[in-house]
């Protein structure tokens, strides 16, 4: 179990989006927060929630609000 979890983390960090770990995305529809770009894209695909807020992780400031398609 631990080995599979470590493998997942390794693969996740190996294929990171440039905005990962610098931003936090929050779904305006359900208030769920995401640290990885791929997770927010999966959430949009699975739930059809499209109103996303992006925050700078270092300052906590709102970077943008957009309806993603």
Protein backbone atom coordinates (compact mmCIF):
# COMPACT_ATOMS: atom_id res chain seq x y z
CA UNK A 1 0.00 0.00 0.00
CA UNK A 2 2.73 2.48 0.96
CA UNK A 3 4.70 1.61 -2.18
CA UNK A 4 1.68 2.32 -4.41
CA UNK A 5 1.06 5.64 -2.63
CA UNK A 6 4.69 6.67 -3.08
CA UNK A 7 4.50 5.72 -6.74
CA UNK A 8 1.39 7.88 -7.15
CA UNK A 9 3.11 10.88 -5.51
CA UNK A 10 6.23 10.40 -7.64
CA UNK A 11 4.22 10.25 -10.86
CA UNK A 12 2.15 13.26 -9.80
CA UNK A 13 5.23 15.43 -9.14
CA UNK A 14 7.04 14.15 -12.22
CA UNK A 15 4.24 15.38 -14.50
CA UNK A 16 3.41 18.61 -12.71
CA UNK A 17 1.80 21.58 -14.41
CA UNK A 18 3.85 24.81 -14.09
CA UNK A 19 1.16 26.34 -11.84
CA UNK A 20 1.10 23.40 -9.39
CA UNK A 21 2.26 24.22 -5.85
CA UNK A 22 2.16 27.96 -6.65
CA UNK A 23 -1.60 28.32 -6.83
CA UNK A 24 -4.71 26.96 -5.19
CA UNK A 25 -7.90 26.59 -7.19
CA UNK A 26 -11.28 26.80 -5.47
CA UNK A 27 -14.50 25.70 -7.15
CA UNK A 28 -17.09 28.43 -6.64
CA UNK A 29 -19.92 25.93 -7.02
CA UNK A 30 -18.95 23.55 -4.19
CA UNK A 31 -16.07 25.37 -2.41
CA UNK A 32 -13.68 22.45 -2.91
CA UNK A 33 -9.98 23.42 -3.03
CA UNK A 34 -7.39 21.85 -5.32
CA UNK A 35 -3.59 22.06 -5.28
CA UNK A 36 -2.99 20.40 -8.65
CA UNK A 37 -4.09 21.68 -12.05
CA UNK A 38 -4.94 18.15 -13.21
CA UNK A 39 -7.28 17.70 -10.22
CA UNK A 40 -9.25 20.85 -11.02
CA UNK A 41 -9.52 19.78 -14.65
CA UNK A 42 -10.82 16.34 -13.57
CA UNK A 43 -13.30 18.05 -11.22
CA UNK A 44 -14.59 20.24 -14.06
CA UNK A 45 -14.93 17.20 -16.30
CA UNK A 46 -16.71 15.06 -13.70
CA UNK A 47 -19.02 17.64 -12.11
CA UNK A 48 -19.43 20.20 -14.89
CA UNK A 49 -18.62 22.93 -12.35
CA UNK A 50 -16.96 25.69 -14.34
CA UNK A 51 -16.63 28.72 -12.04
CA UNK A 52 -13.11 28.53 -10.63
CA UNK A 53 -11.16 30.99 -8.46
CA UNK A 54 -7.37 30.86 -8.58
CA UNK A 55 -5.38 32.07 -5.56
CA UNK A 56 -1.65 32.69 -5.18
CA UNK A 57 -0.45 30.20 -2.56
CA UNK A 58 2.31 32.47 -1.24
CA UNK A 59 0.27 35.65 -0.75
CA UNK A 60 -3.26 34.29 -0.54
CA UNK A 61 -4.38 36.91 -3.07
CA UNK A 62 -7.02 36.18 -5.66
CA UNK A 63 -5.36 35.93 -9.07
CA UNK A 64 -8.37 35.38 -11.30
CA UNK A 65 -11.96 34.26 -11.47
CA UNK A 66 -13.04 32.51 -14.61
CA UNK A 67 -15.59 30.21 -16.11
CA UNK A 68 -13.51 27.38 -17.54
CA UNK A 69 -14.79 25.50 -20.56
